[in-house]
């Protein structure tokens, strides 16, 4: 192998290594974002459940008044 080919190979491997490192960083960021969105989603589900329970309670009280 000539020195030129080795230089090209080294350059390509260096570029690929950099690209892999960037992708790993992006994966870490996406995982953190995913976790945050899951937590927010759970919070919204809990709030929705509370609203539903309160609404059912109010509807029950209205039914008692009508009866």
C-alpha atoms as a PDB file:
ATOM      1  CA  UNK A   1       0.000   0.000   0.000  1.00  0.00           C
ATOM      2  CA  UNK A   2       1.232   3.428  -0.798  1.00  0.00           C
ATOM      3  CA  UNK A   3       1.486   6.205   1.716  1.00  0.00           C
ATOM      4  CA  UNK A   4      -1.187   8.106  -0.191  1.00  0.00           C
ATOM      5  CA  UNK A   5      -3.691   5.277   0.262  1.00  0.00           C
ATOM      6  CA  UNK A   6      -2.885   5.026   3.953  1.00  0.00           C
ATOM      7  CA  UNK A   7      -3.375   8.778   4.308  1.00  0.00           C
ATOM      8  CA  UNK A   8      -6.764   8.537   2.588  1.00  0.00           C
ATOM      9  CA  UNK A   9      -7.757   5.626   4.802  1.00  0.00           C
ATOM     10  CA  UNK A  10      -6.650   7.501   7.904  1.00  0.00           C
ATOM     11  CA  UNK A  11      -8.645  10.558   6.827  1.00  0.00           C
ATOM     12  CA  UNK A  12     -11.764   8.493   6.195  1.00  0.00           C
ATOM     13  CA  UNK A  13     -11.456   6.651   9.496  1.00  0.00           C
ATOM     14  CA  UNK A  14     -10.967   9.952  11.312  1.00  0.00           C
ATOM     15  CA  UNK A  15     -14.068  11.401   9.648  1.00  0.00           C
ATOM     16  CA  UNK A  16     -16.099   8.298  10.485  1.00  0.00           C
ATOM     17  CA  UNK A  17     -14.906   8.386  14.082  1.00  0.00           C
ATOM     18  CA  UNK A  18     -15.980  12.017  14.376  1.00  0.00           C
ATOM     19  CA  UNK A  19     -19.329  11.191  12.810  1.00  0.00           C
ATOM     20  CA  UNK A  20     -19.901   8.295  15.230  1.00  0.00           C
ATOM     21  CA  UNK A  21     -19.048  10.544  18.196  1.00  0.00           C
ATOM     22  CA  UNK A  22     -21.530  13.173  16.990  1.00  0.00           C
ATOM     23  CA  UNK A  23     -24.207  10.523  16.524  1.00  0.00           C
ATOM     24  CA  UNK A  24     -23.619   9.205  20.045  1.00  0.00           C
ATOM     25  CA  UNK A  25     -24.003  12.729  21.413  1.00  0.00           C
ATOM     26  CA  UNK A  26     -27.195  13.160  19.413  1.00  0.00           C
ATOM     27  CA  UNK A  27     -28.519   9.848  20.753  1.00  0.00           C
ATOM     28  CA  UNK A  28     -27.829  10.995  24.320  1.00  0.00           C
ATOM     29  CA  UNK A  29     -29.663  14.266  23.669  1.00  0.00           C
ATOM     30  CA  UNK A  30     -32.607  12.430  22.117  1.00  0.00           C
ATOM     31  CA  UNK A  31     -32.771  10.012  25.053  1.00  0.00           C
ATOM     32  CA  UNK A  32     -32.883  12.937  27.477  1.00  0.00           C
ATOM     33  CA  UNK A  33     -35.583  14.607  25.402  1.00  0.00           C
ATOM     34  CA  UNK A  34     -37.530  11.343  25.266  1.00  0.00           C
ATOM     35  CA  UNK A  35     -37.371  10.997  29.049  1.00  0.00           C
ATOM     36  CA  UNK A  36     -38.516  14.584  29.520  1.00  0.00           C
ATOM     37  CA  UNK A  37     -41.421  14.096  27.097  1.00  0.00           C
ATOM     38  CA  UNK A  38     -42.458  10.868  28.816  1.00  0.00           C
ATOM     39  CA  UNK A  39     -42.506  12.664  32.174  1.00  0.00           C
ATOM     40  CA  UNK A  40     -44.534  15.526  30.711  1.00  0.00           C
ATOM     41  CA  UNK A  41     -46.909  13.046  29.096  1.00  0.00           C
ATOM     42  CA  UNK A  42     -47.439  11.255  32.412  1.00  0.00           C
ATOM     43  CA  UNK A  43     -48.079  14.565  34.156  1.00  0.00           C
ATOM     44  CA  UNK A  44     -50.701  15.470  31.548  1.00  0.00           C
ATOM     45  CA  UNK A  45     -52.334  12.049  31.892  1.00  0.00           C
ATOM     46  CA  UNK A  46     -52.509  12.493  35.662  1.00  0.00           C
ATOM     47  CA  UNK A  47     -54.036  15.954  35.269  1.00  0.00           C
ATOM     48  CA  UNK A  48     -56.551  14.615  32.761  1.00  0.00           C
ATOM     49  CA  UNK A  49     -57.494  11.832  35.176  1.00  0.00           C
ATOM     50  CA  UNK A  50     -58.004  14.343  37.999  1.00  0.00           C
ATOM     51  CA  UNK A  51     -60.173  16.522  35.782  1.00  0.00           C
ATOM     52  CA  UNK A  52     -62.214  13.503  34.742  1.00  0.00           C
ATOM     53  CA  UNK A  53     -62.717  12.428  38.360  1.00  0.00           C
ATOM     54  CA  UNK A  54     -63.750  15.936  39.397  1.00  0.00           C
ATOM     55  CA  UNK A  55     -66.130  16.202  36.456  1.00  0.00           C
ATOM     56  CA  UNK A  56     -67.694  12.838  37.300  1.00  0.00           C
ATOM     57  CA  UNK A  57     -68.133  14.008  40.886  1.00  0.00           C
ATOM     58  CA  UNK A  58     -69.829  17.211  39.749  1.00  0.00           C
ATOM     59  CA  UNK A  59     -72.098  15.297  37.380  1.00  0.00           C
ATOM     60  CA  UNK A  60     -73.027  12.971  40.235  1.00  0.00           C
ATOM     61  CA  UNK A  61     -73.966  15.947  42.392  1.00  0.00           C
ATOM     62  CA  UNK A  62     -76.097  17.371  39.574  1.00  0.00           C
ATOM     63  CA  UNK A  63     -77.879  14.027  39.220  1.00  0.00           C
ATOM     64  CA  UNK A  64     -78.629  14.053  42.960  1.00  0.00           C
ATOM     65  CA  UNK A  65     -80.124  17.522  42.663  1.00  0.00           C
ATOM     66  CA  UNK A  66     -82.323  16.445  39.744  1.00  0.00           C
ATOM     67  CA  UNK A  67     -83.533  13.303  41.515  1.00  0.00           C
END
